[in-house]
Amino acid sequence: MAELVQTRTDILVRAILQEGDHDFVCTDYADYRWHLQNVPPPVPYYIFGDTVGIFAFETNPSPKIVSITSPTIASAYREQFDSAWKMAKVPPQNGNKKVRKN
């Protein structure tokens, strides 16, 4: 993924983790923010183009993934994520792992 992001300028990777989580595994190409601890964490989802992938990890078998291809739904999820991103906290740098502040 890191190579793909370096060669293409149209890919943006952002992740909102629970406050205090320092698992910044993709710092070469992803930006991270922290969701406040007093706010329940959302169900994980990915948005790519007109598709939303919603993940349920607490299932058997795990994970269960629902994929919805809809410009309207993808746009709504994107707007929801952008709002959460603006409210999320920029985490401090963690050791030698850089946290981009975009």
PDB file of N, CA and C in Angstrom:
ATOM      1  N   MET A   1       0.823  -1.194   0.000  1.00  0.00           N
ATOM      2  CA  MET A   1       0.000   0.000   0.000  1.00  0.00           C
ATOM      3  C   MET A   1       0.862   1.250   0.000  1.00  0.00           C
ATOM      4  N   ALA A   2       1.958   1.239   0.764  1.00  0.00           N
ATOM      5  CA  ALA A   2       2.831   2.408   0.840  1.00  0.00           C
ATOM      6  C   ALA A   2       3.348   2.793  -0.535  1.00  0.00           C
ATOM      7  N   GLU A   3       3.747   1.800  -1.337  1.00  0.00           N
ATOM      8  CA  GLU A   3       4.239   2.090  -2.689  1.00  0.00           C
ATOM      9  C   GLU A   3       3.142   2.692  -3.554  1.00  0.00           C
ATOM     10  N   LEU A   4       1.945   2.168  -3.455  1.00  0.00           N
ATOM     11  CA  LEU A   4       0.826   2.678  -4.239  1.00  0.00           C
ATOM     12  C   LEU A   4       0.531   4.133  -3.882  1.00  0.00           C
ATOM     13  N   VAL A   5       0.535   4.441  -2.601  1.00  0.00           N
ATOM     14  CA  VAL A   5       0.255   5.805  -2.152  1.00  0.00           C
ATOM     15  C   VAL A   5       1.344   6.762  -2.621  1.00  0.00           C
ATOM     16  N   GLN A   6       2.588   6.303  -2.686  1.00  0.00           N
ATOM     17  CA  GLN A   6       3.681   7.147  -3.147  1.00  0.00           C
ATOM     18  C   GLN A   6       3.584   7.455  -4.624  1.00  0.00           C
ATOM     19  N   THR A   7       3.038   6.543  -5.412  1.00  0.00           N
ATOM     20  CA  THR A   7       2.975   6.753  -6.857  1.00  0.00           C
ATOM     21  C   THR A   7       1.687   7.424  -7.318  1.00  0.00           C
ATOM     22  N   ARG A   8       0.670   7.442  -6.463  1.00  0.00           N
ATOM     23  CA  ARG A   8      -0.610   8.055  -6.836  1.00  0.00           C
ATOM     24  C   ARG A   8      -0.956   9.166  -5.867  1.00  0.00           C
ATOM     25  N   THR A   9      -1.406  10.275  -6.428  1.00  0.00           N
ATOM     26  CA  THR A   9      -1.743  11.422  -5.585  1.00  0.00           C
ATOM     27  C   THR A   9      -3.224  11.467  -5.221  1.00  0.00           C
ATOM     28  N   ASP A  10      -4.003  10.526  -5.734  1.00  0.00           N
ATOM     29  CA  ASP A  10      -5.450  10.550  -5.497  1.00  0.00           C
ATOM     30  C   ASP A  10      -5.884   9.629  -4.364  1.00  0.00           C
ATOM     31  N   ILE A  11      -4.937   9.103  -3.592  1.00  0.00           N
ATOM     32  CA  ILE A  11      -5.267   8.195  -2.493  1.00  0.00           C
ATOM     33  C   ILE A  11      -5.001   8.905  -1.173  1.00  0.00           C
ATOM     34  N   LEU A  12      -6.010   8.937  -0.324  1.00  0.00           N
ATOM     35  CA  LEU A  12      -5.901   9.551   1.000  1.00  0.00           C
ATOM     36  C   LEU A  12      -6.279   8.488   2.027  1.00  0.00           C
ATOM     37  N   VAL A  13      -5.390   8.240   2.984  1.00  0.00           N
ATOM     38  CA  VAL A  13      -5.648   7.234   4.013  1.00  0.00           C
ATOM     39  C   VAL A  13      -5.651   7.940   5.358  1.00  0.00           C
ATOM     40  N   ARG A  14      -6.803   7.888   6.042  1.00  0.00           N
ATOM     41  CA  ARG A  14      -6.933   8.477   7.371  1.00  0.00           C
ATOM     42  C   ARG A  14      -7.614   7.463   8.272  1.00  0.00           C
ATOM     43  N   ALA A  15      -7.187   7.438   9.527  1.00  0.00           N
ATOM     44  CA  ALA A  15      -7.768   6.506  10.493  1.00  0.00           C
ATOM     45  C   ALA A  15      -7.997   7.231  11.810  1.00  0.00           C
ATOM     46  N   ILE A  16      -9.146   6.975  12.407  1.00  0.00           N
ATOM     47  CA  ILE A  16      -9.445   7.510  13.730  1.00  0.00           C
ATOM     48  C   ILE A  16      -9.443   6.335  14.700  1.00  0.00           C
ATOM     49  N   LEU A  17      -8.523   6.392  15.666  1.00  0.00           N
ATOM     50  CA  LEU A  17      -8.389   5.349  16.674  1.00  0.00           C
ATOM     51  C   LEU A  17      -8.925   5.864  17.999  1.00  0.00           C
ATOM     52  N   GLN A  18      -9.177   4.948  18.909  1.00  0.00           N
ATOM     53  CA  GLN A  18      -9.610   5.333  20.255  1.00  0.00           C
ATOM     54  C   GLN A  18      -8.465   6.087  20.937  1.00  0.00           C
ATOM     55  N   GLU A  19      -8.779   7.136  21.671  1.00  0.00           N
ATOM     56  CA  GLU A  19      -7.759   7.924  22.352  1.00  0.00           C
ATOM     57  C   GLU A  19      -6.883   7.017  23.222  1.00  0.00           C
ATOM     58  N   GLY A  20      -5.570   7.179  23.099  1.00  0.00           N
ATOM     59  CA  GLY A  20      -4.627   6.359  23.840  1.00  0.00           C
ATOM     60  C   GLY A  20      -4.074   5.190  23.048  1.00  0.00           C
ATOM     61  N   ASP A  21      -4.704   4.839  21.936  1.00  0.00           N
ATOM     62  CA  ASP A  21      -4.234   3.742  21.091  1.00  0.00           C
ATOM     63  C   ASP A  21      -3.059   4.259  20.252  1.00  0.00           C
ATOM     64  N   HIS A  22      -1.901   3.657  20.433  1.00  0.00           N
ATOM     65  CA  HIS A  22      -0.695   4.069  19.702  1.00  0.00           C
ATOM     66  C   HIS A  22      -0.349   3.072  18.599  1.00  0.00           C
ATOM     67  N   ASP A  23      -1.308   2.333  18.103  1.00  0.00           N
ATOM     68  CA  ASP A  23      -1.059   1.327  17.073  1.00  0.00           C
ATOM     69  C   ASP A  23      -1.063   1.992  15.693  1.00  0.00           C
ATOM     70  N   PHE A  24      -0.071   2.850  15.463  1.00  0.00           N
ATOM     71  CA  PHE A  24       0.038   3.579  14.197  1.00  0.00           C
ATOM     72  C   PHE A  24       0.870   2.748  13.219  1.00  0.00           C
ATOM     73  N   VAL A  25       0.288   1.707  12.685  1.00  0.00           N
ATOM     74  CA  VAL A  25       1.040   0.743  11.883  1.00  0.00           C
ATOM     75  C   VAL A  25       1.318   1.197  10.455  1.00  0.00           C
ATOM     76  N   CYS A  26       0.637   2.212   9.993  1.00  0.00           N
ATOM     77  CA  CYS A  26       0.777   2.638   8.591  1.00  0.00           C
ATOM     78  C   CYS A  26       1.240   4.087   8.490  1.00  0.00           C
ATOM     79  N   THR A  27       2.162   4.495   9.335  1.00  0.00           N
ATOM     80  CA  THR A  27       2.554   5.904   9.379  1.00  0.00           C
ATOM     81  C   THR A  27       3.258   6.375   8.113  1.00  0.00           C
ATOM     82  N   ASP A  28       3.722   5.458   7.266  1.00  0.00           N
ATOM     83  CA  ASP A  28       4.349   5.871   6.017  1.00  0.00           C
ATOM     84  C   ASP A  28       3.355   6.521   5.063  1.00  0.00           C
ATOM     85  N   TYR A  29       2.072   6.191   5.205  1.00  0.00           N
ATOM     86  CA  TYR A  29       1.103   6.723   4.256  1.00  0.00           C
ATOM     87  C   TYR A  29      -0.231   7.134   4.869  1.00  0.00           C
ATOM     88  N   ALA A  30      -0.427   6.918   6.150  1.00  0.00           N
ATOM     89  CA  ALA A  30      -1.728   7.221   6.757  1.00  0.00           C
ATOM     90  C   ALA A  30      -1.612   8.337   7.785  1.00  0.00           C
ATOM     91  N   ASP A  31      -2.667   9.097   7.905  1.00  0.00           N
ATOM     92  CA  ASP A  31      -2.786  10.102   8.957  1.00  0.00           C
ATOM     93  C   ASP A  31      -3.689   9.539  10.045  1.00  0.00           C
ATOM     94  N   TYR A  32      -3.363   9.834  11.303  1.00  0.00           N
ATOM     95  CA  TYR A  32      -4.115   9.304  12.432  1.00  0.00           C
ATOM     96  C   TYR A  32      -4.650  10.432  13.296  1.00  0.00           C
ATOM     97  N   ARG A  33      -5.798  10.179  13.864  1.00  0.00           N
ATOM     98  CA  ARG A  33      -6.371  11.046  14.889  1.00  0.00           C
ATOM     99  C   ARG A  33      -6.951  10.148  15.967  1.00  0.00           C
ATOM    100  N   TRP A  34      -7.228  10.756  17.113  1.00  0.00           N
ATOM    101  CA  TRP A  34      -7.827  10.031  18.230  1.00  0.00           C
ATOM    102  C   TRP A  34      -9.261  10.458  18.434  1.00  0.00           C
ATOM    103  N   HIS A  35     -10.127   9.486  18.552  1.00  0.00           N
ATOM    104  CA  HIS A  35     -11.510   9.660  18.955  1.00  0.00           C
ATOM    105  C   HIS A  35     -11.498   9.821  20.471  1.00  0.00           C
ATOM    106  N   LEU A  36     -12.236  10.744  21.011  1.00  0.00           N
ATOM    107  CA  LEU A  36     -12.217  10.951  22.455  1.00  0.00           C
ATOM    108  C   LEU A  36     -12.695   9.714  23.202  1.00  0.00           C
ATOM    109  N   GLN A  37     -12.112   9.449  24.373  1.00  0.00           N
ATOM    110  CA  GLN A  37     -12.432   8.244  25.137  1.00  0.00           C
ATOM    111  C   GLN A  37     -13.872   8.199  25.613  1.00  0.00           C
ATOM    112  N   ASN A  38     -14.485   9.350  25.867  1.00  0.00           N
ATOM    113  CA  ASN A  38     -15.851   9.345  26.394  1.00  0.00           C
ATOM    114  C   ASN A  38     -16.905   9.178  25.306  1.00  0.00           C
ATOM    115  N   VAL A  39     -16.468   9.014  24.068  1.00  0.00           N
ATOM    116  CA  VAL A  39     -17.395   8.810  22.950  1.00  0.00           C
ATOM    117  C   VAL A  39     -17.288   7.348  22.523  1.00  0.00           C
ATOM    118  N   PRO A  40     -18.411   6.655  22.392  1.00  0.00           N
ATOM    119  CA  PRO A  40     -18.335   5.244  21.993  1.00  0.00           C
ATOM    120  C   PRO A  40     -17.669   5.101  20.627  1.00  0.00           C
ATOM    121  N   PRO A  41     -16.797   4.111  20.471  1.00  0.00           N
ATOM    122  CA  PRO A  41     -16.150   3.926  19.169  1.00  0.00           C
ATOM    123  C   PRO A  41     -17.166   3.464  18.128  1.00  0.00           C
ATOM    124  N   PRO A  42     -17.042   3.979  16.915  1.00  0.00           N
ATOM    125  CA  PRO A  42     -17.968   3.548  15.868  1.00  0.00           C
ATOM    126  C   PRO A  42     -17.603   2.161  15.347  1.00  0.00           C
ATOM    127  N   VAL A  43     -18.512   1.559  14.628  1.00  0.00           N
ATOM    128  CA  VAL A  43     -18.221   0.308  13.941  1.00  0.00           C
ATOM    129  C   VAL A  43     -17.215   0.643  12.841  1.00  0.00           C
ATOM    130  N   PRO A  44     -16.126  -0.125  12.717  1.00  0.00           N
ATOM    131  CA  PRO A  44     -15.121   0.188  11.698  1.00  0.00           C
ATOM    132  C   PRO A  44     -15.710   0.128  10.291  1.00  0.00           C
ATOM    133  N   TYR A  45     -15.289   1.095   9.473  1.00  0.00           N
ATOM    134  CA  TYR A  45     -15.709   1.084   8.075  1.00  0.00           C
ATOM    135  C   TYR A  45     -14.634   1.704   7.206  1.00  0.00           C
ATOM    136  N   TYR A  46     -14.637   1.326   5.953  1.00  0.00           N
ATOM    137  CA  TYR A  46     -13.730   1.855   4.945  1.00  0.00           C
ATOM    138  C   TYR A  46     -14.575   2.472   3.852  1.00  0.00           C
ATOM    139  N   ILE A  47     -14.090   3.562   3.299  1.00  0.00           N
ATOM    140  CA  ILE A  47     -14.766   4.202   2.167  1.00  0.00           C
ATOM    141  C   ILE A  47     -13.770   4.236   1.023  1.00  0.00           C
ATOM    142  N   PHE A  48     -14.163   3.687  -0.111  1.00  0.00           N
ATOM    143  CA  PHE A  48     -13.296   3.720  -1.279  1.00  0.00           C
ATOM    144  C   PHE A  48     -14.175   3.926  -2.501  1.00  0.00           C
ATOM    145  N   GLY A  49     -13.995   5.093  -3.119  1.00  0.00           N
ATOM    146  CA  GLY A  49     -14.848   5.445  -4.252  1.00  0.00           C
ATOM    147  C   GLY A  49     -16.295   5.518  -3.816  1.00  0.00           C
ATOM    148  N   ASP A  50     -17.157   4.788  -4.514  1.00  0.00           N
ATOM    149  CA  ASP A  50     -18.590   4.765  -4.211  1.00  0.00           C
ATOM    150  C   ASP A  50     -18.969   3.573  -3.329  1.00  0.00           C
ATOM    151  N   THR A  51     -17.978   2.960  -2.682  1.00  0.00           N
ATOM    152  CA  THR A  51     -18.224   1.764  -1.887  1.00  0.00           C
ATOM    153  C   THR A  51     -17.874   2.000  -0.424  1.00  0.00           C
ATOM    154  N   VAL A  52     -18.726   1.480   0.452  1.00  0.00           N
ATOM    155  CA  VAL A  52     -18.480   1.502   1.895  1.00  0.00           C
ATOM    156  C   VAL A  52     -18.379   0.052   2.349  1.00  0.00           C
ATOM    157  N   GLY A  53     -17.322  -0.267   3.080  1.00  0.00           N
ATOM    158  CA  GLY A  53     -17.174  -1.591   3.683  1.00  0.00           C
ATOM    159  C   GLY A  53     -17.340  -1.449   5.182  1.00  0.00           C
ATOM    160  N   ILE A  54     -18.309  -2.138   5.750  1.00  0.00           N
ATOM    161  CA  ILE A  54     -18.591  -2.074   7.191  1.00  0.00           C
ATOM    162  C   ILE A  54     -18.177  -3.414   7.798  1.00  0.00           C
ATOM    163  N   PHE A  55     -17.412  -3.348   8.892  1.00  0.00           N
ATOM    164  CA  PHE A  55     -16.805  -4.542   9.476  1.00  0.00           C
ATOM    165  C   PHE A  55     -17.369  -4.839  10.860  1.00  0.00           C
ATOM    166  N   ALA A  56     -17.650  -6.117  11.122  1.00  0.00           N
ATOM    167  CA  ALA A  56     -18.056  -6.579  12.458  1.00  0.00           C
ATOM    168  C   ALA A  56     -17.055  -7.650  12.867  1.00  0.00           C
ATOM    169  N   PHE A  57     -16.235  -7.340  13.869  1.00  0.00           N
ATOM    170  CA  PHE A  57     -15.192  -8.269  14.298  1.00  0.00           C
ATOM    171  C   PHE A  57     -15.636  -9.183  15.435  1.00  0.00           C
ATOM    172  N   GLU A  58     -16.722  -8.831  16.095  1.00  0.00           N
ATOM    173  CA  GLU A  58     -17.179  -9.634  17.228  1.00  0.00           C
ATOM    174  C   GLU A  58     -18.282 -10.593  16.800  1.00  0.00           C
ATOM    175  N   THR A  59     -17.987 -11.328  15.746  1.00  0.00           N
ATOM    176  CA  THR A  59     -18.920 -12.309  15.203  1.00  0.00           C
ATOM    177  C   THR A  59     -18.192 -13.642  15.075  1.00  0.00           C
ATOM    178  N   ASN A  60     -18.950 -14.680  14.846  1.00  0.00           N
ATOM    179  CA  ASN A  60     -18.349 -15.980  14.638  1.00  0.00           C
ATOM    180  C   ASN A  60     -18.950 -16.589  13.383  1.00  0.00           C
ATOM    181  N   PRO A  61     -18.205 -16.778  12.322  1.00  0.00           N
ATOM    182  CA  PRO A  61     -16.789 -16.448  12.171  1.00  0.00           C
ATOM    183  C   PRO A  61     -16.585 -14.939  12.015  1.00  0.00           C
ATOM    184  N   SER A  62     -15.375 -14.520  12.272  1.00  0.00           N
ATOM    185  CA  SER A  62     -15.019 -13.111  12.221  1.00  0.00           C
ATOM    186  C   SER A  62     -14.005 -12.884  11.112  1.00  0.00           C
ATOM    187  N   PRO A  63     -14.026 -11.773  10.448  1.00  0.00           N
ATOM    188  CA  PRO A  63     -15.012 -10.705  10.539  1.00  0.00           C
ATOM    189  C   PRO A  63     -16.156 -10.931   9.566  1.00  0.00           C
ATOM    190  N   LYS A  64     -17.239 -10.239   9.823  1.00  0.00           N
ATOM    191  CA  LYS A  64     -18.325 -10.153   8.842  1.00  0.00           C
ATOM    192  C   LYS A  64     -18.181  -8.789   8.195  1.00  0.00           C
ATOM    193  N   ILE A  65     -18.297  -8.758   6.883  1.00  0.00           N
ATOM    194  CA  ILE A  65     -18.122  -7.519   6.135  1.00  0.00           C
ATOM    195  C   ILE A  65     -19.336  -7.305   5.255  1.00  0.00           C
ATOM    196  N   VAL A  66     -19.884  -6.099   5.364  1.00  0.00           N
ATOM    197  CA  VAL A  66     -20.985  -5.700   4.495  1.00  0.00           C
ATOM    198  C   VAL A  66     -20.430  -4.659   3.540  1.00  0.00           C
ATOM    199  N   SER A  67     -20.593  -4.886   2.264  1.00  0.00           N
ATOM    200  CA  SER A  67     -20.115  -3.958   1.247  1.00  0.00           C
ATOM    201  C   SER A  67     -21.319  -3.337   0.548  1.00  0.00           C
ATOM    202  N   ILE A  68     -21.359  -2.006   0.532  1.00  0.00           N
ATOM    203  CA  ILE A  68     -22.459  -1.294  -0.108  1.00  0.00           C
ATOM    204  C   ILE A  68     -21.870  -0.380  -1.175  1.00  0.00           C
ATOM    205  N   THR A  69     -22.278  -0.562  -2.404  1.00  0.00           N
ATOM    206  CA  THR A  69     -21.843   0.316  -3.479  1.00  0.00           C
ATOM    207  C   THR A  69     -22.991   1.245  -3.822  1.00  0.00           C
ATOM    208  N   SER A  70     -22.828   2.491  -3.435  1.00  0.00           N
ATOM    209  CA  SER A  70     -23.848   3.511  -3.646  1.00  0.00           C
ATOM    210  C   SER A  70     -23.189   4.885  -3.500  1.00  0.00           C
ATOM    211  N   PRO A  71     -23.215   5.711  -4.529  1.00  0.00           N
ATOM    212  CA  PRO A  71     -22.641   7.048  -4.391  1.00  0.00           C
ATOM    213  C   PRO A  71     -23.270   7.842  -3.248  1.00  0.00           C
ATOM    214  N   THR A  72     -24.568   7.697  -3.043  1.00  0.00           N
ATOM    215  CA  THR A  72     -25.264   8.442  -1.992  1.00  0.00           C
ATOM    216  C   THR A  72     -24.801   7.999  -0.606  1.00  0.00           C
ATOM    217  N   ILE A  73     -24.737   6.700  -0.377  1.00  0.00           N
ATOM    218  CA  ILE A  73     -24.327   6.188   0.928  1.00  0.00           C
ATOM    219  C   ILE A  73     -22.847   6.467   1.178  1.00  0.00           C
ATOM    220  N   ALA A  74     -21.998   6.276   0.162  1.00  0.00           N
ATOM    221  CA  ALA A  74     -20.567   6.562   0.329  1.00  0.00           C
ATOM    222  C   ALA A  74     -20.348   8.038   0.652  1.00  0.00           C
ATOM    223  N   SER A  75     -21.077   8.907  -0.002  1.00  0.00           N
ATOM    224  CA  SER A  75     -20.957  10.346   0.271  1.00  0.00           C
ATOM    225  C   SER A  75     -21.381  10.667   1.701  1.00  0.00           C
ATOM    226  N   ALA A  76     -22.461  10.061   2.180  1.00  0.00           N
ATOM    227  CA  ALA A  76     -22.933  10.299   3.545  1.00  0.00           C
ATOM    228  C   ALA A  76     -21.903   9.814   4.570  1.00  0.00           C
ATOM    229  N   TYR A  77     -21.344   8.621   4.356  1.00  0.00           N
ATOM    230  CA  TYR A  77     -20.319   8.103   5.265  1.00  0.00           C
ATOM    231  C   TYR A  77     -19.066   8.978   5.218  1.00  0.00           C
ATOM    232  N   ARG A  78     -18.703   9.452   4.025  1.00  0.00           N
ATOM    233  CA  ARG A  78     -17.528  10.317   3.890  1.00  0.00           C
ATOM    234  C   ARG A  78     -17.732  11.615   4.668  1.00  0.00           C
ATOM    235  N   GLU A  79     -18.916  12.206   4.558  1.00  0.00           N
ATOM    236  CA  GLU A  79     -19.214  13.441   5.307  1.00  0.00           C
ATOM    237  C   GLU A  79     -19.189  13.181   6.810  1.00  0.00           C
ATOM    238  N   GLN A  80     -19.724  12.046   7.239  1.00  0.00           N
ATOM    239  CA  GLN A  80     -19.704  11.682   8.655  1.00  0.00           C
ATOM    240  C   GLN A  80     -18.260  11.540   9.137  1.00  0.00           C
ATOM    241  N   PHE A  81     -17.424  10.875   8.347  1.00  0.00           N
ATOM    242  CA  PHE A  81     -16.024  10.693   8.725  1.00  0.00           C
ATOM    243  C   PHE A  81     -15.308  12.042   8.779  1.00  0.00           C
ATOM    244  N   ASP A  82     -15.535  12.888   7.783  1.00  0.00           N
ATOM    245  CA  ASP A  82     -14.889  14.202   7.764  1.00  0.00           C
ATOM    246  C   ASP A  82     -15.266  15.025   8.998  1.00  0.00           C
ATOM    247  N   SER A  83     -16.503  14.948   9.429  1.00  0.00           N
ATOM    248  CA  SER A  83     -16.930  15.657  10.644  1.00  0.00           C
ATOM    249  C   SER A  83     -16.223  15.098  11.874  1.00  0.00           C
ATOM    250  N   ALA A  84     -16.156  13.778  11.974  1.00  0.00           N
ATOM    251  CA  ALA A  84     -15.469  13.146  13.107  1.00  0.00           C
ATOM    252  C   ALA A  84     -13.982  13.493  13.076  1.00  0.00           C
ATOM    253  N   TRP A  85     -13.390  13.549  11.897  1.00  0.00           N
ATOM    254  CA  TRP A  85     -11.973  13.871  11.751  1.00  0.00           C
ATOM    255  C   TRP A  85     -11.679  15.277  12.281  1.00  0.00           C
ATOM    256  N   LYS A  86     -12.540  16.205  11.958  1.00  0.00           N
ATOM    257  CA  LYS A  86     -12.354  17.587  12.412  1.00  0.00           C
ATOM    258  C   LYS A  86     -12.432  17.700  13.934  1.00  0.00           C
ATOM    259  N   MET A  87     -13.240  16.870  14.564  1.00  0.00           N
ATOM    260  CA  MET A  87     -13.394  16.908  16.023  1.00  0.00           C
ATOM    261  C   MET A  87     -12.347  16.071  16.747  1.00  0.00           C
ATOM    262  N   ALA A  88     -11.703  15.153  16.030  1.00  0.00           N
ATOM    263  CA  ALA A  88     -10.752  14.235  16.655  1.00  0.00           C
ATOM    264  C   ALA A  88      -9.458  14.956  17.027  1.00  0.00           C
ATOM    265  N   LYS A  89      -8.788  14.388  17.989  1.00  0.00           N
ATOM    266  CA  LYS A  89      -7.562  14.959  18.551  1.00  0.00           C
ATOM    267  C   LYS A  89      -6.340  14.424  17.797  1.00  0.00           C
ATOM    268  N   VAL A  90      -5.374  15.315  17.515  1.00  0.00           N
ATOM    269  CA  VAL A  90      -4.122  14.877  16.903  1.00  0.00           C
ATOM    270  C   VAL A  90      -3.279  14.225  17.995  1.00  0.00           C
ATOM    271  N   PRO A  91      -2.921  12.954  17.833  1.00  0.00           N
ATOM    272  CA  PRO A  91      -2.136  12.283  18.876  1.00  0.00           C
ATOM    273  C   PRO A  91      -0.694  12.784  18.873  1.00  0.00           C
ATOM    274  N   PRO A  92      -0.035  12.682  20.020  1.00  0.00           N
ATOM    275  CA  PRO A  92       1.383  13.054  20.068  1.00  0.00           C
ATOM    276  C   PRO A  92       2.215  12.025  19.320  1.00  0.00           C
ATOM    277  N   GLN A  93       3.440  12.396  18.967  1.00  0.00           N
ATOM    278  CA  GLN A  93       4.330  11.419  18.338  1.00  0.00           C
ATOM    279  C   GLN A  93       4.625  10.314  19.322  1.00  0.00           C
ATOM    280  N   ASN A  94       4.756   9.110  18.794  1.00  0.00           N
ATOM    281  CA  ASN A  94       4.981   7.935  19.645  1.00  0.00           C
ATOM    282  C   ASN A  94       6.336   7.329  19.295  1.00  0.00           C
ATOM    283  N   GLY A  95       7.344   7.633  20.091  1.00  0.00           N
ATOM    284  CA  GLY A  95       8.678   7.087  19.835  1.00  0.00           C
ATOM    285  C   GLY A  95       9.180   7.531  18.486  1.00  0.00           C
ATOM    286  N   ASN A  96       9.579   6.567  17.649  1.00  0.00           N
ATOM    287  CA  ASN A  96      10.092   6.931  16.333  1.00  0.00           C
ATOM    288  C   ASN A  96       9.020   6.871  15.254  1.00  0.00           C
ATOM    289  N   LYS A  97       7.794   6.637  15.634  1.00  0.00           N
ATOM    290  CA  LYS A  97       6.701   6.618  14.668  1.00  0.00           C
ATOM    291  C   LYS A  97       6.174   8.034  14.496  1.00  0.00           C
ATOM    292  N   LYS A  98       6.186   8.522  13.263  1.00  0.00           N
ATOM    293  CA  LYS A  98       5.719   9.862  12.986  1.00  0.00           C
ATOM    294  C   LYS A  98       4.204   9.859  12.832  1.00  0.00           C
ATOM    295  N   VAL A  99       3.565  10.898  13.301  1.00  0.00           N
ATOM    296  CA  VAL A  99       2.130  11.061  13.113  1.00  0.00           C
ATOM    297  C   VAL A  99       1.959  12.313  12.285  1.00  0.00           C
ATOM    298  N   ARG A 100       1.447  12.163  11.084  1.00  0.00           N
ATOM    299  CA  ARG A 100       1.236  13.310  10.213  1.00  0.00           C
ATOM    300  C   ARG A 100       0.063  14.106  10.746  1.00  0.00           C
ATOM    301  N   LYS A 101       0.078  15.412  10.549  1.00  0.00           N
ATOM    302  CA  LYS A 101      -0.959  16.277  11.121  1.00  0.00           C
ATOM    303  C   LYS A 101      -1.786  16.951  10.036  1.00  0.00           C
ATOM    304  N   ASN A 102      -2.223  16.193   9.043  1.00  0.00           N
ATOM    305  CA  ASN A 102      -3.055  16.768   7.958  1.00  0.00           C
ATOM    306  C   ASN A 102      -4.491  16.838   8.379  1.00  0.00           C
TER     307      ASN A 102
END
